[in-house]
Amino acid sequence: MRFLRVLIFRVKRFFRGPMSSPTALGPRPPRITQEQLDEARRILEQTHHSDRVMNDLHLGERERRGSLAQELGVPFVDIERVQIDECLFTLVPPDVLRKHQVVPVKKEGVTLWLAMSDVLNVAAQDEIRDLTHCRVIPVLAVGAQIDAVLAKWLNPQAGKG
């Protein structure tokens, strides 16, 4: 069942294109240099393995996620550079945010942008859509940044802000 949902998600994304521009939530992900691109092509010709390309180019997690977002056709957000409104954390129960490792980053009307480390997690999107009655737009983010934000906002000992 999950496979079908992911497949439907990808097909819809392909025909519809990105729901929102990446610049709507922050700066575009960094572009790789021509030297890095040439090196990637050389490595791909030898190995045909994309993970090795990313590792051999010494790209940081932010750059990898930015490239993955472009490949998937979804927006990318650098959570460290976006100011998140505290009221967004009241929309979704804390246990659901932690369970799915997601952070609500923006809400406009009935549309909720949700920073996720796994934008293909359709079950998380469905659950949050049902809880909030909002249209959920997945936005790719770095997992460590999501963890840091969740710890900051949801940890009672750390306090808010």
C-alpha atoms as a PDB file:
ATOM      1  CA  MET A   1       0.000   0.000   0.000  1.00  0.00           C
ATOM      2  CA  ARG A   2       2.825   2.426   0.905  1.00  0.00           C
ATOM      3  CA  PHE A   3       4.483   1.658  -2.434  1.00  0.00           C
ATOM      4  CA  LEU A   4       1.337   2.704  -4.297  1.00  0.00           C
ATOM      5  CA  ARG A   5       1.057   5.953  -2.337  1.00  0.00           C
ATOM      6  CA  VAL A   6       4.686   6.824  -3.028  1.00  0.00           C
ATOM      7  CA  LEU A   7       4.243   5.980  -6.702  1.00  0.00           C
ATOM      8  CA  ILE A   8       1.115   8.141  -6.949  1.00  0.00           C
ATOM      9  CA  PHE A   9       2.928  10.971  -5.131  1.00  0.00           C
ATOM     10  CA  ARG A  10       5.829  10.817  -7.602  1.00  0.00           C
ATOM     11  CA  VAL A  11       3.550  10.705 -10.650  1.00  0.00           C
ATOM     12  CA  LYS A  12       1.507  13.679  -9.405  1.00  0.00           C
ATOM     13  CA  ARG A  13       4.701  15.610  -8.648  1.00  0.00           C
ATOM     14  CA  PHE A  14       6.044  14.865 -12.100  1.00  0.00           C
ATOM     15  CA  PHE A  15       3.007  16.191 -13.919  1.00  0.00           C
ATOM     16  CA  ARG A  16       2.234  19.023 -11.541  1.00  0.00           C
ATOM     17  CA  GLY A  17       5.795  20.187 -10.857  1.00  0.00           C
ATOM     18  CA  PRO A  18       6.945  21.776  -7.603  1.00  0.00           C
ATOM     19  CA  MET A  19       4.132  23.232  -5.513  1.00  0.00           C
ATOM     20  CA  SER A  20       6.126  26.214  -4.383  1.00  0.00           C
ATOM     21  CA  SER A  21       9.391  27.770  -5.332  1.00  0.00           C
ATOM     22  CA  PRO A  22      12.307  27.061  -3.001  1.00  0.00           C
ATOM     23  CA  THR A  23      12.881  30.795  -2.625  1.00  0.00           C
ATOM     24  CA  ALA A  24       9.492  31.151  -0.951  1.00  0.00           C
ATOM     25  CA  LEU A  25      10.939  29.574   2.190  1.00  0.00           C
ATOM     26  CA  GLY A  26      14.531  30.743   2.035  1.00  0.00           C
ATOM     27  CA  PRO A  27      17.598  30.852  -0.148  1.00  0.00           C
ATOM     28  CA  ARG A  28      18.049  28.348  -2.937  1.00  0.00           C
ATOM     29  CA  PRO A  29      20.280  25.405  -2.164  1.00  0.00           C
ATOM     30  CA  PRO A  30      23.882  26.014  -3.158  1.00  0.00           C
ATOM     31  CA  ARG A  31      24.838  25.049  -6.678  1.00  0.00           C
ATOM     32  CA  ILE A  32      27.761  22.757  -7.315  1.00  0.00           C
ATOM     33  CA  THR A  33      30.758  24.083  -9.195  1.00  0.00           C
ATOM     34  CA  GLN A  34      31.706  23.007 -12.706  1.00  0.00           C
ATOM     35  CA  GLU A  35      34.694  21.127 -11.265  1.00  0.00           C
ATOM     36  CA  GLN A  36      32.401  19.184  -8.942  1.00  0.00           C
ATOM     37  CA  LEU A  37      30.053  18.417 -11.833  1.00  0.00           C
ATOM     38  CA  ASP A  38      32.926  17.149 -13.988  1.00  0.00           C
ATOM     39  CA  GLU A  39      34.188  15.038 -11.091  1.00  0.00           C
ATOM     40  CA  ALA A  40      30.680  13.637 -10.565  1.00  0.00           C
ATOM     41  CA  ARG A  41      30.405  12.669 -14.215  1.00  0.00           C
ATOM     42  CA  ARG A  42      33.808  10.962 -14.070  1.00  0.00           C
ATOM     43  CA  ILE A  43      32.832   9.008 -10.958  1.00  0.00           C
ATOM     44  CA  LEU A  44      29.429   8.082 -12.415  1.00  0.00           C
ATOM     45  CA  GLU A  45      31.074   6.701 -15.537  1.00  0.00           C
ATOM     46  CA  GLN A  46      33.273   4.524 -13.337  1.00  0.00           C
ATOM     47  CA  THR A  47      30.810   3.459 -10.650  1.00  0.00           C
ATOM     48  CA  HIS A  48      27.215   4.323 -11.582  1.00  0.00           C
ATOM     49  CA  HIS A  49      26.508   4.898  -7.900  1.00  0.00           C
ATOM     50  CA  SER A  50      25.113   8.281  -6.787  1.00  0.00           C
ATOM     51  CA  ASP A  51      25.916   7.912  -3.056  1.00  0.00           C
ATOM     52  CA  ARG A  52      29.578   7.509  -3.878  1.00  0.00           C
ATOM     53  CA  VAL A  53      29.398  10.625  -6.049  1.00  0.00           C
ATOM     54  CA  MET A  54      28.050  12.654  -3.152  1.00  0.00           C
ATOM     55  CA  ASN A  55      30.663  11.301  -0.743  1.00  0.00           C
ATOM     56  CA  ASP A  56      33.579  11.726  -3.132  1.00  0.00           C
ATOM     57  CA  LEU A  57      32.624  15.328  -3.836  1.00  0.00           C
ATOM     58  CA  HIS A  58      32.786  16.075  -0.099  1.00  0.00           C
ATOM     59  CA  LEU A  59      29.434  17.789  -0.205  1.00  0.00           C
ATOM     60  CA  GLY A  60      27.876  18.722   3.102  1.00  0.00           C
ATOM     61  CA  GLU A  61      24.474  17.459   4.204  1.00  0.00           C
ATOM     62  CA  ARG A  62      22.848  20.769   3.224  1.00  0.00           C
ATOM     63  CA  GLU A  63      24.219  20.541  -0.313  1.00  0.00           C
ATOM     64  CA  ARG A  64      23.197  16.888  -0.628  1.00  0.00           C
ATOM     65  CA  ARG A  65      19.668  17.646   0.519  1.00  0.00           C
ATOM     66  CA  GLY A  66      19.470  20.629  -1.828  1.00  0.00           C
ATOM     67  CA  SER A  67      20.482  18.433  -4.757  1.00  0.00           C
ATOM     68  CA  LEU A  68      18.013  15.742  -3.723  1.00  0.00           C
ATOM     69  CA  ALA A  69      15.235  18.343  -3.496  1.00  0.00           C
ATOM     70  CA  GLN A  70      15.966  19.454  -7.047  1.00  0.00           C
ATOM     71  CA  GLU A  71      15.968  15.841  -8.217  1.00  0.00           C
ATOM     72  CA  LEU A  72      12.613  15.139  -6.526  1.00  0.00           C
ATOM     73  CA  GLY A  73      11.073  18.445  -7.617  1.00  0.00           C
ATOM     74  CA  VAL A  74      10.274  19.612  -4.099  1.00  0.00           C
ATOM     75  CA  PRO A  75      11.317  22.804  -2.313  1.00  0.00           C
ATOM     76  CA  PHE A  76      14.335  22.790   0.013  1.00  0.00           C
ATOM     77  CA  VAL A  77      14.504  24.763   3.241  1.00  0.00           C
ATOM     78  CA  ASP A  78      17.504  25.566   5.398  1.00  0.00           C
ATOM     79  CA  ILE A  79      15.739  25.638   8.765  1.00  0.00           C
ATOM     80  CA  GLU A  80      18.597  27.544  10.385  1.00  0.00           C
ATOM     81  CA  ARG A  81      17.861  30.503   8.100  1.00  0.00           C
ATOM     82  CA  VAL A  82      14.065  30.545   8.453  1.00  0.00           C
ATOM     83  CA  GLN A  83      12.217  32.120  11.339  1.00  0.00           C
ATOM     84  CA  ILE A  84       9.522  29.698  12.467  1.00  0.00           C
ATOM     85  CA  ASP A  85       6.431  31.077  14.157  1.00  0.00           C
ATOM     86  CA  GLU A  86       5.886  29.488  17.574  1.00  0.00           C
ATOM     87  CA  CYS A  87       2.146  29.054  16.954  1.00  0.00           C
ATOM     88  CA  LEU A  88       2.871  26.500  14.213  1.00  0.00           C
ATOM     89  CA  PHE A  89       3.907  24.014  16.895  1.00  0.00           C
ATOM     90  CA  THR A  90       0.398  24.089  18.356  1.00  0.00           C
ATOM     91  CA  LEU A  91      -1.116  22.755  15.111  1.00  0.00           C
ATOM     92  CA  VAL A  92       0.369  19.267  15.408  1.00  0.00           C
ATOM     93  CA  PRO A  93       0.825  17.255  18.626  1.00  0.00           C
ATOM     94  CA  PRO A  94       4.496  17.038  19.714  1.00  0.00           C
ATOM     95  CA  ASP A  95       4.519  13.225  19.630  1.00  0.00           C
ATOM     96  CA  VAL A  96       3.477  13.283  15.948  1.00  0.00           C
ATOM     97  CA  LEU A  97       6.209  15.806  15.106  1.00  0.00           C
ATOM     98  CA  ARG A  98       8.823  13.638  16.819  1.00  0.00           C
ATOM     99  CA  LYS A  99       7.480  10.373  15.378  1.00  0.00           C
ATOM    100  CA  HIS A 100       7.730  11.595  11.797  1.00  0.00           C
ATOM    101  CA  GLN A 101      10.688  13.981  12.329  1.00  0.00           C
ATOM    102  CA  VAL A 102       8.857  16.952  10.804  1.00  0.00           C
ATOM    103  CA  VAL A 103       8.662  20.674  11.539  1.00  0.00           C
ATOM    104  CA  PRO A 104       5.895  23.004  10.361  1.00  0.00           C
ATOM    105  CA  VAL A 105       7.729  25.975   8.829  1.00  0.00           C
ATOM    106  CA  LYS A 106       5.006  28.080   7.230  1.00  0.00           C
ATOM    107  CA  LYS A 107       1.227  28.338   7.079  1.00  0.00           C
ATOM    108  CA  GLU A 108      -0.796  30.388   4.613  1.00  0.00           C
ATOM    109  CA  GLY A 109      -4.540  29.968   4.795  1.00  0.00           C
ATOM    110  CA  VAL A 110      -5.192  26.239   4.679  1.00  0.00           C
ATOM    111  CA  THR A 111      -1.749  25.361   3.309  1.00  0.00           C
ATOM    112  CA  LEU A 112       0.921  24.079   5.687  1.00  0.00           C
ATOM    113  CA  TRP A 113       4.567  23.748   4.597  1.00  0.00           C
ATOM    114  CA  LEU A 114       6.144  20.850   6.446  1.00  0.00           C
ATOM    115  CA  ALA A 115       9.938  20.455   6.669  1.00  0.00           C
ATOM    116  CA  MET A 116      10.731  16.755   6.432  1.00  0.00           C
ATOM    117  CA  SER A 117      13.871  14.683   6.172  1.00  0.00           C
ATOM    118  CA  ASP A 118      11.858  12.174   4.093  1.00  0.00           C
ATOM    119  CA  VAL A 119       9.461  13.961   1.730  1.00  0.00           C
ATOM    120  CA  LEU A 120       8.262  10.610   0.379  1.00  0.00           C
ATOM    121  CA  ASN A 121       6.762   9.708   3.766  1.00  0.00           C
ATOM    122  CA  VAL A 122       3.187   9.950   2.566  1.00  0.00           C
ATOM    123  CA  ALA A 123       1.856   8.422   5.796  1.00  0.00           C
ATOM    124  CA  ALA A 124       3.239  11.373   7.789  1.00  0.00           C
ATOM    125  CA  GLN A 125       1.750  13.850   5.328  1.00  0.00           C
ATOM    126  CA  ASP A 126      -1.633  12.117   5.483  1.00  0.00           C
ATOM    127  CA  GLU A 127      -1.657  11.970   9.276  1.00  0.00           C
ATOM    128  CA  ILE A 128      -0.771  15.664   9.629  1.00  0.00           C
ATOM    129  CA  ARG A 129      -3.255  16.628   6.931  1.00  0.00           C
ATOM    130  CA  ASP A 130      -5.986  14.775   8.833  1.00  0.00           C
ATOM    131  CA  LEU A 131      -4.984  16.365  12.153  1.00  0.00           C
ATOM    132  CA  THR A 132      -4.710  19.945  10.872  1.00  0.00           C
ATOM    133  CA  HIS A 133      -7.281  19.882   8.048  1.00  0.00           C
ATOM    134  CA  CYS A 134      -4.648  21.694   5.983  1.00  0.00           C
ATOM    135  CA  ARG A 135      -3.179  20.981   2.598  1.00  0.00           C
ATOM    136  CA  VAL A 136       0.346  19.728   3.381  1.00  0.00           C
ATOM    137  CA  ILE A 137       3.272  20.665   1.168  1.00  0.00           C
ATOM    138  CA  PRO A 138       6.402  18.631   1.926  1.00  0.00           C
ATOM    139  CA  VAL A 139       9.651  20.596   2.012  1.00  0.00           C
ATOM    140  CA  LEU A 140      12.982  18.784   2.186  1.00  0.00           C
ATOM    141  CA  ALA A 141      15.271  19.706   5.090  1.00  0.00           C
ATOM    142  CA  VAL A 142      18.371  18.397   6.841  1.00  0.00           C
ATOM    143  CA  GLY A 143      17.480  15.832   9.506  1.00  0.00           C
ATOM    144  CA  ALA A 144      19.927  17.228  12.083  1.00  0.00           C
ATOM    145  CA  GLN A 145      18.374  20.688  11.714  1.00  0.00           C
ATOM    146  CA  ILE A 146      14.900  19.213  12.230  1.00  0.00           C
ATOM    147  CA  ASP A 147      16.108  17.424  15.369  1.00  0.00           C
ATOM    148  CA  ALA A 148      17.607  20.662  16.712  1.00  0.00           C
ATOM    149  CA  VAL A 149      14.394  22.616  16.138  1.00  0.00           C
ATOM    150  CA  LEU A 150      12.265  19.903  17.716  1.00  0.00           C
ATOM    151  CA  ALA A 151      14.569  19.796  20.736  1.00  0.00           C
ATOM    152  CA  LYS A 152      14.408  23.573  21.069  1.00  0.00           C
ATOM    153  CA  TRP A 153      10.630  23.940  20.772  1.00  0.00           C
ATOM    154  CA  LEU A 154       9.358  20.696  22.251  1.00  0.00           C
ATOM    155  CA  ASN A 155      11.796  20.111  25.125  1.00  0.00           C
ATOM    156  CA  PRO A 156      10.214  21.598  28.266  1.00  0.00           C
ATOM    157  CA  GLN A 157      13.590  21.946  30.023  1.00  0.00           C
ATOM    158  CA  ALA A 158      15.084  24.053  27.217  1.00  0.00           C
ATOM    159  CA  GLY A 159      12.246  26.568  27.245  1.00  0.00           C
ATOM    160  CA  LYS A 160      10.875  28.372  24.243  1.00  0.00           C
ATOM    161  CA  GLY A 161      12.666  30.872  21.967  1.00  0.00           C
END
